[in-house]
Amino acid sequence: MEFFKSARTIRLRNAAHRKYLVADEDEAIVRQTSNGSVRQACWAIERVPGKPHLLRLRSCSGRYLSPTDDPYLFSISGKKVAR
């Protein structure tokens, strides 16, 4: 967590496929793209009040990235962005 102390935004990259996680403008779909310079590839880091070891990732559209147990196939859009 020390790595994120001074960070405000990050880009999430899949090292194996060299693709970035981006949130689409429709605010409901997350996908991967090779262009990490787009605005949708930036995720704001928010610290959870009272819990210094927890972080939230907020997209450019204001929705939060949330984990899921659903299987994910590469090159297929996911639908797990929550407000």
N, C-alpha and C. Protein backbone atom coordinates (compact mmCIF):
# COMPACT_ATOMS: atom_id res chain seq x y z
N MET A 1 0.81 -1.20 0.00
CA MET A 1 0.00 0.00 0.00
C MET A 1 0.86 1.26 0.00
N GLU A 2 2.09 1.15 0.43
CA GLU A 2 2.97 2.32 0.42
C GLU A 2 3.15 2.87 -0.99
N PHE A 3 3.06 1.98 -1.98
CA PHE A 3 3.22 2.38 -3.37
C PHE A 3 2.13 3.37 -3.79
N PHE A 4 0.95 3.25 -3.23
CA PHE A 4 -0.19 4.08 -3.62
C PHE A 4 -0.36 5.33 -2.75
N LYS A 5 0.53 5.57 -1.80
CA LYS A 5 0.36 6.72 -0.89
C LYS A 5 0.26 8.04 -1.63
N SER A 6 1.11 8.26 -2.61
CA SER A 6 1.10 9.54 -3.31
C SER A 6 0.38 9.49 -4.65
N ALA A 7 -0.07 8.31 -5.07
CA ALA A 7 -0.75 8.18 -6.37
C ALA A 7 -2.19 8.66 -6.28
N ARG A 8 -2.64 9.31 -7.34
CA ARG A 8 -4.05 9.74 -7.43
C ARG A 8 -4.79 8.96 -8.48
N THR A 9 -4.12 8.64 -9.57
CA THR A 9 -4.71 7.82 -10.62
C THR A 9 -3.71 6.76 -11.06
N ILE A 10 -4.25 5.66 -11.57
CA ILE A 10 -3.41 4.59 -12.10
C ILE A 10 -4.03 4.06 -13.38
N ARG A 11 -3.23 3.33 -14.13
CA ARG A 11 -3.71 2.59 -15.29
C ARG A 11 -3.44 1.13 -14.99
N LEU A 12 -4.41 0.26 -15.21
CA LEU A 12 -4.28 -1.17 -14.93
C LEU A 12 -3.93 -1.90 -16.23
N ARG A 13 -2.77 -2.56 -16.23
CA ARG A 13 -2.32 -3.24 -17.44
C ARG A 13 -2.14 -4.72 -17.20
N ASN A 14 -2.60 -5.52 -18.11
CA ASN A 14 -2.38 -6.95 -18.10
C ASN A 14 -1.00 -7.19 -18.69
N ALA A 15 -0.06 -7.63 -17.87
CA ALA A 15 1.33 -7.78 -18.31
C ALA A 15 1.48 -8.83 -19.41
N ALA A 16 0.70 -9.89 -19.34
CA ALA A 16 0.82 -10.97 -20.32
C ALA A 16 0.36 -10.54 -21.71
N HIS A 17 -0.72 -9.77 -21.79
CA HIS A 17 -1.29 -9.37 -23.08
C HIS A 17 -1.00 -7.92 -23.43
N ARG A 18 -0.39 -7.19 -22.51
CA ARG A 18 -0.06 -5.77 -22.71
C ARG A 18 -1.27 -4.94 -23.12
N LYS A 19 -2.37 -5.16 -22.42
CA LYS A 19 -3.59 -4.39 -22.66
C LYS A 19 -4.01 -3.72 -21.37
N TYR A 20 -4.70 -2.59 -21.52
CA TYR A 20 -5.15 -1.79 -20.38
C TYR A 20 -6.63 -1.99 -20.14
N LEU A 21 -7.02 -1.92 -18.88
CA LEU A 21 -8.43 -2.02 -18.52
C LEU A 21 -9.05 -0.63 -18.66
N VAL A 22 -10.10 -0.53 -19.45
CA VAL A 22 -10.77 0.76 -19.67
C VAL A 22 -12.26 0.62 -19.39
N ALA A 23 -12.86 1.72 -18.95
CA ALA A 23 -14.31 1.78 -18.72
C ALA A 23 -14.94 2.50 -19.91
N ASP A 24 -15.92 1.88 -20.51
CA ASP A 24 -16.60 2.50 -21.66
C ASP A 24 -17.45 3.68 -21.21
N GLU A 25 -17.79 4.54 -22.14
CA GLU A 25 -18.58 5.73 -21.85
C GLU A 25 -20.00 5.42 -21.41
N ASP A 26 -20.50 4.23 -21.74
CA ASP A 26 -21.86 3.88 -21.34
C ASP A 26 -21.97 3.57 -19.85
N GLU A 27 -20.86 3.61 -19.15
CA GLU A 27 -20.77 3.45 -17.69
C GLU A 27 -21.13 2.05 -17.21
N ALA A 28 -21.22 1.07 -18.08
CA ALA A 28 -21.59 -0.28 -17.64
C ALA A 28 -20.63 -1.36 -18.10
N ILE A 29 -19.74 -1.05 -19.03
CA ILE A 29 -18.88 -2.08 -19.61
C ILE A 29 -17.41 -1.76 -19.34
N VAL A 30 -16.67 -2.80 -19.00
CA VAL A 30 -15.23 -2.71 -18.85
C VAL A 30 -14.62 -3.60 -19.93
N ARG A 31 -13.57 -3.12 -20.57
CA ARG A 31 -12.93 -3.91 -21.61
C ARG A 31 -11.42 -3.67 -21.59
N GLN A 32 -10.70 -4.40 -22.43
CA GLN A 32 -9.26 -4.22 -22.52
C GLN A 32 -8.92 -3.61 -23.87
N THR A 33 -7.89 -2.76 -23.88
CA THR A 33 -7.44 -2.15 -25.12
C THR A 33 -5.93 -1.96 -25.06
N SER A 34 -5.30 -1.91 -26.20
CA SER A 34 -3.85 -1.71 -26.23
C SER A 34 -3.48 -0.25 -26.09
N ASN A 35 -4.44 0.67 -26.22
CA ASN A 35 -4.18 2.10 -26.09
C ASN A 35 -4.40 2.55 -24.65
N GLY A 36 -3.32 2.68 -23.90
CA GLY A 36 -3.42 3.08 -22.50
C GLY A 36 -3.44 4.58 -22.29
N SER A 37 -3.38 5.37 -23.37
CA SER A 37 -3.34 6.82 -23.21
C SER A 37 -4.73 7.46 -23.23
N VAL A 38 -5.76 6.68 -23.45
CA VAL A 38 -7.11 7.23 -23.47
C VAL A 38 -7.57 7.58 -22.05
N ARG A 39 -8.48 8.52 -21.94
CA ARG A 39 -8.97 8.98 -20.64
C ARG A 39 -9.64 7.85 -19.86
N GLN A 40 -10.30 6.94 -20.56
CA GLN A 40 -11.02 5.85 -19.90
C GLN A 40 -10.09 4.83 -19.25
N ALA A 41 -8.78 4.88 -19.54
CA ALA A 41 -7.83 3.94 -18.94
C ALA A 41 -7.34 4.41 -17.58
N CYS A 42 -7.67 5.63 -17.19
CA CYS A 42 -7.24 6.15 -15.89
C CYS A 42 -8.28 5.83 -14.82
N TRP A 43 -7.82 5.27 -13.72
CA TRP A 43 -8.68 4.92 -12.59
C TRP A 43 -8.23 5.73 -11.39
N ALA A 44 -9.15 6.45 -10.78
CA ALA A 44 -8.84 7.26 -9.59
C ALA A 44 -8.76 6.35 -8.37
N ILE A 45 -7.76 6.58 -7.54
CA ILE A 45 -7.60 5.81 -6.31
C ILE A 45 -8.28 6.57 -5.19
N GLU A 46 -9.17 5.91 -4.49
CA GLU A 46 -9.85 6.50 -3.33
C GLU A 46 -9.57 5.61 -2.12
N ARG A 47 -9.13 6.21 -1.06
CA ARG A 47 -8.92 5.47 0.17
C ARG A 47 -10.22 5.37 0.95
N VAL A 48 -10.46 4.22 1.56
CA VAL A 48 -11.69 4.01 2.32
C VAL A 48 -11.49 4.64 3.70
N PRO A 49 -12.35 5.59 4.11
CA PRO A 49 -12.19 6.25 5.40
C PRO A 49 -12.20 5.24 6.55
N GLY A 50 -11.23 5.36 7.45
CA GLY A 50 -11.14 4.48 8.61
C GLY A 50 -10.52 3.13 8.33
N LYS A 51 -10.19 2.84 7.08
CA LYS A 51 -9.58 1.56 6.72
C LYS A 51 -8.40 1.83 5.78
N PRO A 52 -7.23 2.14 6.33
CA PRO A 52 -6.09 2.55 5.51
C PRO A 52 -5.56 1.47 4.58
N HIS A 53 -5.93 0.23 4.77
CA HIS A 53 -5.44 -0.84 3.91
C HIS A 53 -6.38 -1.15 2.75
N LEU A 54 -7.47 -0.40 2.61
CA LEU A 54 -8.42 -0.62 1.52
C LEU A 54 -8.42 0.54 0.54
N LEU A 55 -8.54 0.22 -0.75
CA LEU A 55 -8.63 1.21 -1.82
C LEU A 55 -9.85 0.92 -2.68
N ARG A 56 -10.39 1.98 -3.29
CA ARG A 56 -11.45 1.85 -4.29
C ARG A 56 -10.92 2.43 -5.59
N LEU A 57 -11.32 1.85 -6.70
CA LEU A 57 -10.93 2.36 -8.01
C LEU A 57 -12.16 2.90 -8.71
N ARG A 58 -12.13 4.21 -9.02
CA ARG A 58 -13.27 4.89 -9.65
C ARG A 58 -12.91 5.24 -11.09
N SER A 59 -13.80 4.94 -12.01
CA SER A 59 -13.56 5.22 -13.42
C SER A 59 -13.79 6.69 -13.73
N CYS A 60 -13.50 7.08 -14.96
CA CYS A 60 -13.70 8.47 -15.38
C CYS A 60 -15.17 8.85 -15.39
N SER A 61 -16.06 7.86 -15.44
CA SER A 61 -17.50 8.15 -15.43
C SER A 61 -18.09 8.17 -14.02
N GLY A 62 -17.26 7.92 -13.00
CA GLY A 62 -17.72 7.99 -11.63
C GLY A 62 -18.18 6.67 -11.03
N ARG A 63 -18.06 5.59 -11.78
CA ARG A 63 -18.45 4.28 -11.25
C ARG A 63 -17.23 3.55 -10.71
N TYR A 64 -17.50 2.59 -9.82
CA TYR A 64 -16.42 1.87 -9.15
C TYR A 64 -16.23 0.48 -9.75
N LEU A 65 -14.98 0.05 -9.79
CA LEU A 65 -14.64 -1.28 -10.25
C LEU A 65 -14.88 -2.25 -9.09
N SER A 66 -15.60 -3.32 -9.36
CA SER A 66 -15.88 -4.29 -8.30
C SER A 66 -15.50 -5.69 -8.77
N PRO A 67 -15.03 -6.53 -7.87
CA PRO A 67 -14.65 -7.90 -8.26
C PRO A 67 -15.88 -8.78 -8.45
N THR A 68 -15.68 -9.86 -9.17
CA THR A 68 -16.75 -10.81 -9.39
C THR A 68 -16.16 -12.21 -9.49
N ASP A 69 -16.96 -13.22 -9.23
CA ASP A 69 -16.54 -14.60 -9.39
C ASP A 69 -16.90 -15.14 -10.76
N ASP A 70 -17.57 -14.33 -11.56
CA ASP A 70 -17.96 -14.77 -12.90
C ASP A 70 -16.71 -15.00 -13.76
N PRO A 71 -16.70 -16.05 -14.58
CA PRO A 71 -15.55 -16.28 -15.45
C PRO A 71 -15.42 -15.16 -16.47
N TYR A 72 -14.19 -14.84 -16.83
CA TYR A 72 -13.92 -13.75 -17.78
C TYR A 72 -13.07 -14.29 -18.91
N LEU A 73 -13.50 -14.09 -20.13
CA LEU A 73 -12.72 -14.52 -21.28
C LEU A 73 -12.07 -13.31 -21.91
N PHE A 74 -10.80 -13.43 -22.26
CA PHE A 74 -10.10 -12.31 -22.88
C PHE A 74 -10.75 -11.94 -24.20
N SER A 75 -10.76 -10.67 -24.49
CA SER A 75 -11.34 -10.04 -25.69
C SER A 75 -12.86 -10.00 -25.65
N ILE A 76 -13.47 -10.34 -24.51
CA ILE A 76 -14.92 -10.23 -24.37
C ILE A 76 -15.20 -9.16 -23.31
N SER A 77 -16.14 -8.29 -23.55
CA SER A 77 -16.45 -7.22 -22.62
C SER A 77 -17.08 -7.77 -21.35
N GLY A 78 -16.69 -7.20 -20.21
CA GLY A 78 -17.31 -7.56 -18.94
C GLY A 78 -18.36 -6.52 -18.59
N LYS A 79 -19.21 -6.80 -17.62
CA LYS A 79 -20.25 -5.86 -17.23
C LYS A 79 -20.31 -5.76 -15.72
N LYS A 80 -19.19 -5.43 -15.09
CA LYS A 80 -19.13 -5.41 -13.65
C LYS A 80 -18.62 -4.07 -13.12
N VAL A 81 -19.15 -2.98 -13.59
CA VAL A 81 -18.83 -1.66 -13.04
C VAL A 81 -20.02 -1.23 -12.22
N ALA A 82 -19.80 -0.86 -10.97
CA ALA A 82 -20.90 -0.48 -10.08
C ALA A 82 -20.74 0.94 -9.60
N ARG A 83 -21.84 1.63 -9.34
CA ARG A 83 -21.79 3.00 -8.84
C ARG A 83 -21.78 3.00 -7.35
